[in-house]
């Protein structure tokens, strides 16, 4: 027993603290200090309304516009 916990539980506790610390260090260095964006911030998504058509190669083909 270590600190009143079974050895296996203590090892899981230590691994959790180490993993959390590594994640926090990564966040501070890369995203706060260096200012690097997250992976999904560089991609701009085009928002469309439900049912709005996408661009087609030949506009005369395909579904008719019902506005």
PDB file of N, CA and C in Angstrom:
ATOM      1  N   UNK A   1       0.844  -1.179   0.000  1.00  0.00           N
ATOM      2  CA  UNK A   1       0.000   0.000   0.000  1.00  0.00           C
ATOM      3  C   UNK A   1       0.890   1.243   0.000  1.00  0.00           C
ATOM      4  N   UNK A   2       0.512   2.193  -0.823  1.00  0.00           N
ATOM      5  CA  UNK A   2       1.225   3.450  -0.909  1.00  0.00           C
ATOM      6  C   UNK A   2       0.217   4.574  -0.652  1.00  0.00           C
ATOM      7  N   UNK A   3       0.474   5.402   0.338  1.00  0.00           N
ATOM      8  CA  UNK A   3      -0.424   6.497   0.711  1.00  0.00           C
ATOM      9  C   UNK A   3      -1.855   6.023   0.954  1.00  0.00           C
ATOM     10  N   UNK A   4      -2.010   4.858   1.513  1.00  0.00           N
ATOM     11  CA  UNK A   4      -3.322   4.315   1.828  1.00  0.00           C
ATOM     12  C   UNK A   4      -4.051   3.716   0.636  1.00  0.00           C
ATOM     13  N   UNK A   5      -3.377   3.628  -0.521  1.00  0.00           N
ATOM     14  CA  UNK A   5      -4.008   3.054  -1.717  1.00  0.00           C
ATOM     15  C   UNK A   5      -3.276   1.773  -2.083  1.00  0.00           C
ATOM     16  N   UNK A   6      -3.989   0.834  -2.681  1.00  0.00           N
ATOM     17  CA  UNK A   6      -3.288  -0.340  -3.215  1.00  0.00           C
ATOM     18  C   UNK A   6      -2.289   0.123  -4.279  1.00  0.00           C
ATOM     19  N   UNK A   7      -1.235  -0.643  -4.468  1.00  0.00           N
ATOM     20  CA  UNK A   7      -0.160  -0.244  -5.380  1.00  0.00           C
ATOM     21  C   UNK A   7      -0.677   0.010  -6.796  1.00  0.00           C
ATOM     22  N   UNK A   8      -1.572  -0.850  -7.292  1.00  0.00           N
ATOM     23  CA  UNK A   8      -2.098  -0.669  -8.636  1.00  0.00           C
ATOM     24  C   UNK A   8      -2.863   0.642  -8.772  1.00  0.00           C
ATOM     25  N   UNK A   9      -3.661   0.974  -7.760  1.00  0.00           N
ATOM     26  CA  UNK A   9      -4.421   2.212  -7.793  1.00  0.00           C
ATOM     27  C   UNK A   9      -3.487   3.420  -7.721  1.00  0.00           C
ATOM     28  N   UNK A  10      -2.450   3.335  -6.947  1.00  0.00           N
ATOM     29  CA  UNK A  10      -1.483   4.422  -6.861  1.00  0.00           C
ATOM     30  C   UNK A  10      -0.790   4.642  -8.203  1.00  0.00           C
ATOM     31  N   UNK A  11      -0.452   3.570  -8.911  1.00  0.00           N
ATOM     32  CA  UNK A  11       0.177   3.700 -10.225  1.00  0.00           C
ATOM     33  C   UNK A  11      -0.758   4.355 -11.240  1.00  0.00           C
ATOM     34  N   UNK A  12      -2.040   4.017 -11.189  1.00  0.00           N
ATOM     35  CA  UNK A  12      -3.016   4.655 -12.074  1.00  0.00           C
ATOM     36  C   UNK A  12      -3.133   6.134 -11.725  1.00  0.00           C
ATOM     37  N   UNK A  13      -3.129   6.460 -10.443  1.00  0.00           N
ATOM     38  CA  UNK A  13      -3.187   7.854  -9.999  1.00  0.00           C
ATOM     39  C   UNK A  13      -1.980   8.637 -10.511  1.00  0.00           C
ATOM     40  N   UNK A  14      -0.796   8.070 -10.379  1.00  0.00           N
ATOM     41  CA  UNK A  14       0.423   8.748 -10.837  1.00  0.00           C
ATOM     42  C   UNK A  14       0.394   8.914 -12.357  1.00  0.00           C
ATOM     43  N   UNK A  15      -0.027   7.894 -13.087  1.00  0.00           N
ATOM     44  CA  UNK A  15      -0.094   7.984 -14.544  1.00  0.00           C
ATOM     45  C   UNK A  15      -1.084   9.060 -14.982  1.00  0.00           C
ATOM     46  N   UNK A  16      -2.189   9.189 -14.273  1.00  0.00           N
ATOM     47  CA  UNK A  16      -3.177  10.211 -14.600  1.00  0.00           C
ATOM     48  C   UNK A  16      -2.618  11.611 -14.370  1.00  0.00           C
ATOM     49  N   UNK A  17      -1.927  11.807 -13.275  1.00  0.00           N
ATOM     50  CA  UNK A  17      -1.332  13.113 -12.980  1.00  0.00           C
ATOM     51  C   UNK A  17      -0.257  13.454 -14.013  1.00  0.00           C
ATOM     52  N   UNK A  18       0.578  12.490 -14.380  1.00  0.00           N
ATOM     53  CA  UNK A  18       1.629  12.730 -15.375  1.00  0.00           C
ATOM     54  C   UNK A  18       1.017  13.058 -16.736  1.00  0.00           C
ATOM     55  N   UNK A  19       0.005  12.317 -17.169  1.00  0.00           N
ATOM     56  CA  UNK A  19      -0.632  12.574 -18.460  1.00  0.00           C
ATOM     57  C   UNK A  19      -1.288  13.948 -18.484  1.00  0.00           C
ATOM     58  N   UNK A  20      -1.957  14.318 -17.421  1.00  0.00           N
ATOM     59  CA  UNK A  20      -2.577  15.636 -17.344  1.00  0.00           C
ATOM     60  C   UNK A  20      -1.547  16.744 -17.365  1.00  0.00           C
ATOM     61  N   UNK A  21      -0.430  16.536 -16.687  1.00  0.00           N
ATOM     62  CA  UNK A  21       0.626  17.538 -16.675  1.00  0.00           C
ATOM     63  C   UNK A  21       1.247  17.703 -18.057  1.00  0.00           C
ATOM     64  N   UNK A  22       1.461  16.601 -18.762  1.00  0.00           N
ATOM     65  CA  UNK A  22       1.998  16.692 -20.121  1.00  0.00           C
ATOM     66  C   UNK A  22       1.042  17.437 -21.047  1.00  0.00           C
ATOM     67  N   UNK A  23      -0.241  17.185 -20.907  1.00  0.00           N
ATOM     68  CA  UNK A  23      -1.230  17.891 -21.721  1.00  0.00           C
ATOM     69  C   UNK A  23      -1.250  19.381 -21.413  1.00  0.00           C
ATOM     70  N   UNK A  24      -1.147  19.734 -20.141  1.00  0.00           N
ATOM     71  CA  UNK A  24      -1.136  21.142 -19.761  1.00  0.00           C
ATOM     72  C   UNK A  24       0.131  21.838 -20.256  1.00  0.00           C
ATOM     73  N   UNK A  25       1.258  21.169 -20.171  1.00  0.00           N
ATOM     74  CA  UNK A  25       2.518  21.740 -20.655  1.00  0.00           C
ATOM     75  C   UNK A  25       2.446  21.939 -22.163  1.00  0.00           C
ATOM     76  N   UNK A  26       1.921  20.961 -22.887  1.00  0.00           N
ATOM     77  CA  UNK A  26       1.763  21.082 -24.338  1.00  0.00           C
ATOM     78  C   UNK A  26       0.881  22.280 -24.681  1.00  0.00           C
ATOM     79  N   UNK A  27      -0.243  22.417 -23.983  1.00  0.00           N
ATOM     80  CA  UNK A  27      -1.160  23.516 -24.254  1.00  0.00           C
ATOM     81  C   UNK A  27      -0.481  24.868 -24.033  1.00  0.00           C
ATOM     82  N   UNK A  28       0.215  25.018 -22.931  1.00  0.00           N
ATOM     83  CA  UNK A  28       0.853  26.305 -22.625  1.00  0.00           C
ATOM     84  C   UNK A  28       1.938  26.634 -23.639  1.00  0.00           C
ATOM     85  N   UNK A  29       2.794  25.673 -23.954  1.00  0.00           N
ATOM     86  CA  UNK A  29       3.916  25.958 -24.858  1.00  0.00           C
ATOM     87  C   UNK A  29       3.420  26.209 -26.280  1.00  0.00           C
ATOM     88  N   UNK A  30       2.655  25.290 -26.847  1.00  0.00           N
ATOM     89  CA  UNK A  30       2.306  25.379 -28.260  1.00  0.00           C
ATOM     90  C   UNK A  30       1.185  26.368 -28.549  1.00  0.00           C
ATOM     91  N   UNK A  31       0.150  26.383 -27.735  1.00  0.00           N
ATOM     92  CA  UNK A  31      -1.017  27.178 -28.072  1.00  0.00           C
ATOM     93  C   UNK A  31      -1.016  28.559 -27.419  1.00  0.00           C
ATOM     94  N   UNK A  32      -0.409  28.698 -26.260  1.00  0.00           N
ATOM     95  CA  UNK A  32      -0.397  29.998 -25.601  1.00  0.00           C
ATOM     96  C   UNK A  32       0.877  30.759 -25.945  1.00  0.00           C
ATOM     97  N   UNK A  33       2.034  30.171 -25.701  1.00  0.00           N
ATOM     98  CA  UNK A  33       3.302  30.882 -25.912  1.00  0.00           C
ATOM     99  C   UNK A  33       3.616  31.031 -27.397  1.00  0.00           C
ATOM    100  N   UNK A  34       3.582  29.931 -28.158  1.00  0.00           N
ATOM    101  CA  UNK A  34       3.920  29.990 -29.577  1.00  0.00           C
ATOM    102  C   UNK A  34       2.751  30.459 -30.441  1.00  0.00           C
ATOM    103  N   UNK A  35       1.553  30.426 -29.918  1.00  0.00           N
ATOM    104  CA  UNK A  35       0.392  30.900 -30.646  1.00  0.00           C
ATOM    105  C   UNK A  35      -0.021  30.035 -31.819  1.00  0.00           C
ATOM    106  N   UNK A  36       0.330  28.769 -31.804  1.00  0.00           N
ATOM    107  CA  UNK A  36      -0.060  27.872 -32.901  1.00  0.00           C
ATOM    108  C   UNK A  36      -1.525  27.497 -32.761  1.00  0.00           C
ATOM    109  N   UNK A  37      -2.256  27.527 -33.866  1.00  0.00           N
ATOM    110  CA  UNK A  37      -3.688  27.211 -33.782  1.00  0.00           C
ATOM    111  C   UNK A  37      -3.917  25.711 -33.633  1.00  0.00           C
ATOM    112  N   UNK A  38      -5.134  25.375 -33.271  1.00  0.00           N
ATOM    113  CA  UNK A  38      -5.531  23.978 -33.244  1.00  0.00           C
ATOM    114  C   UNK A  38      -5.660  23.496 -34.674  1.00  0.00           C
ATOM    115  N   UNK A  39      -5.675  22.200 -34.888  1.00  0.00           N
ATOM    116  CA  UNK A  39      -5.733  21.653 -36.233  1.00  0.00           C
ATOM    117  C   UNK A  39      -6.976  22.057 -36.996  1.00  0.00           C
ATOM    118  N   UNK A  40      -8.108  22.212 -36.330  1.00  0.00           N
ATOM    119  CA  UNK A  40      -9.337  22.535 -37.049  1.00  0.00           C
ATOM    120  C   UNK A  40      -9.543  24.030 -37.238  1.00  0.00           C
ATOM    121  N   UNK A  41      -8.677  24.879 -36.728  1.00  0.00           N
ATOM    122  CA  UNK A  41      -8.853  26.322 -36.876  1.00  0.00           C
ATOM    123  C   UNK A  41      -8.414  26.829 -38.246  1.00  0.00           C
ATOM    124  N   UNK A  42      -7.549  26.100 -38.931  1.00  0.00           N
ATOM    125  CA  UNK A  42      -7.054  26.549 -40.219  1.00  0.00           C
ATOM    126  C   UNK A  42      -8.044  26.283 -41.342  1.00  0.00           C
ATOM    127  N   UNK A  43      -8.958  25.376 -41.149  1.00  0.00           N
ATOM    128  CA  UNK A  43      -9.923  25.020 -42.172  1.00  0.00           C
ATOM    129  C   UNK A  43     -11.166  25.883 -41.985  1.00  0.00           C
ATOM    130  N   UNK A  44     -11.575  26.576 -43.044  1.00  0.00           N
ATOM    131  CA  UNK A  44     -12.802  27.356 -42.968  1.00  0.00           C
ATOM    132  C   UNK A  44     -13.913  26.553 -43.620  1.00  0.00           C
ATOM    133  N   UNK A  45     -14.970  26.372 -42.911  1.00  0.00           N
ATOM    134  CA  UNK A  45     -16.100  25.604 -43.404  1.00  0.00           C
ATOM    135  C   UNK A  45     -17.155  26.558 -43.942  1.00  0.00           C
ATOM    136  N   UNK A  46     -17.720  26.199 -45.077  1.00  0.00           N
ATOM    137  CA  UNK A  46     -18.780  27.005 -45.657  1.00  0.00           C
ATOM    138  C   UNK A  46     -20.108  26.519 -45.107  1.00  0.00           C
ATOM    139  N   UNK A  47     -20.835  27.411 -44.480  1.00  0.00           N
ATOM    140  CA  UNK A  47     -22.124  27.032 -43.907  1.00  0.00           C
ATOM    141  C   UNK A  47     -23.225  27.220 -44.943  1.00  0.00           C
ATOM    142  N   UNK A  48     -24.141  26.271 -44.988  1.00  0.00           N
ATOM    143  CA  UNK A  48     -25.269  26.338 -45.897  1.00  0.00           C
ATOM    144  C   UNK A  48     -26.543  26.071 -45.113  1.00  0.00           C
ATOM    145  N   UNK A  49     -27.630  26.593 -45.625  1.00  0.00           N
ATOM    146  CA  UNK A  49     -28.925  26.304 -45.020  1.00  0.00           C
ATOM    147  C   UNK A  49     -29.365  24.903 -45.433  1.00  0.00           C
ATOM    148  N   UNK A  50     -30.242  24.335 -44.672  1.00  0.00           N
ATOM    149  CA  UNK A  50     -30.759  23.011 -45.002  1.00  0.00           C
ATOM    150  C   UNK A  50     -31.481  23.066 -46.336  1.00  0.00           C
ATOM    151  N   UNK A  51     -31.167  22.163 -47.231  1.00  0.00           N
ATOM    152  CA  UNK A  51     -31.804  22.093 -48.529  1.00  0.00           C
ATOM    153  C   UNK A  51     -31.150  22.948 -49.595  1.00  0.00           C
ATOM    154  N   UNK A  52     -30.149  23.728 -49.251  1.00  0.00           N
ATOM    155  CA  UNK A  52     -29.483  24.573 -50.239  1.00  0.00           C
ATOM    156  C   UNK A  52     -28.622  23.721 -51.142  1.00  0.00           C
ATOM    157  N   UNK A  53     -28.634  24.017 -52.437  1.00  0.00           N
ATOM    158  CA  UNK A  53     -27.887  23.225 -53.411  1.00  0.00           C
ATOM    159  C   UNK A  53     -26.405  23.548 -53.354  1.00  0.00           C
ATOM    160  N   UNK A  54     -25.606  22.577 -53.720  1.00  0.00           N
ATOM    161  CA  UNK A  54     -24.179  22.806 -53.877  1.00  0.00           C
ATOM    162  C   UNK A  54     -23.897  23.171 -55.325  1.00  0.00           C
ATOM    163  N   UNK A  55     -22.717  23.670 -55.602  1.00  0.00           N
ATOM    164  CA  UNK A  55     -22.356  24.057 -56.966  1.00  0.00           C
ATOM    165  C   UNK A  55     -22.274  22.820 -57.843  1.00  0.00           C
ATOM    166  N   UNK A  56     -22.746  22.952 -59.070  1.00  0.00           N
ATOM    167  CA  UNK A  56     -22.668  21.851 -60.035  1.00  0.00           C
ATOM    168  C   UNK A  56     -21.867  22.321 -61.240  1.00  0.00           C
ATOM    169  N   UNK A  57     -21.302  21.381 -61.984  1.00  0.00           N
ATOM    170  CA  UNK A  57     -20.487  21.726 -63.142  1.00  0.00           C
ATOM    171  C   UNK A  57     -21.325  22.399 -64.221  1.00  0.00           C
ATOM    172  N   UNK A  58     -22.553  21.922 -64.424  1.00  0.00           N
ATOM    173  CA  UNK A  58     -23.452  22.486 -65.430  1.00  0.00           C
ATOM    174  C   UNK A  58     -24.738  22.922 -64.722  1.00  0.00           C
ATOM    175  N   UNK A  59     -24.901  24.213 -64.478  1.00  0.00           N
ATOM    176  CA  UNK A  59     -26.057  24.664 -63.706  1.00  0.00           C
ATOM    177  C   UNK A  59     -27.403  24.300 -64.325  1.00  0.00           C
ATOM    178  N   UNK A  60     -27.446  24.122 -65.658  1.00  0.00           N
ATOM    179  CA  UNK A  60     -28.720  23.789 -66.269  1.00  0.00           C
ATOM    180  C   UNK A  60     -29.140  22.361 -65.943  1.00  0.00           C
ATOM    181  N   UNK A  61     -28.195  21.521 -65.534  1.00  0.00           N
ATOM    182  CA  UNK A  61     -28.512  20.140 -65.149  1.00  0.00           C
ATOM    183  C   UNK A  61     -28.797  20.096 -63.671  1.00  0.00           C
ATOM    184  N   UNK A  62     -29.516  19.118 -63.252  1.00  0.00           N
ATOM    185  CA  UNK A  62     -29.772  18.921 -61.835  1.00  0.00           C
ATOM    186  C   UNK A  62     -31.139  19.440 -61.439  1.00  0.00           C
ATOM    187  N   UNK A  63     -31.348  19.572 -60.154  1.00  0.00           N
ATOM    188  CA  UNK A  63     -32.643  19.975 -59.630  1.00  0.00           C
ATOM    189  C   UNK A  63     -32.932  21.427 -59.995  1.00  0.00           C
ATOM    190  N   UNK A  64     -34.201  21.725 -60.165  1.00  0.00           N
ATOM    191  CA  UNK A  64     -34.594  23.104 -60.483  1.00  0.00           C
ATOM    192  C   UNK A  64     -34.623  23.931 -59.203  1.00  0.00           C
ATOM    193  N   UNK A  65     -34.437  25.231 -59.368  1.00  0.00           N
ATOM    194  CA  UNK A  65     -34.478  26.126 -58.209  1.00  0.00           C
ATOM    195  C   UNK A  65     -35.929  26.388 -57.837  1.00  0.00           C
ATOM    196  N   UNK A  66     -36.247  26.220 -56.569  1.00  0.00           N
ATOM    197  CA  UNK A  66     -37.596  26.476 -56.095  1.00  0.00           C
ATOM    198  C   UNK A  66     -37.544  27.525 -55.003  1.00  0.00           C
ATOM    199  N   UNK A  67     -37.424  28.785 -55.373  1.00  0.00           N
ATOM    200  CA  UNK A  67     -37.344  29.862 -54.387  1.00  0.00           C
ATOM    201  C   UNK A  67     -38.672  30.539 -54.198  1.00  0.00           C
TER     202      UNK A  67
END
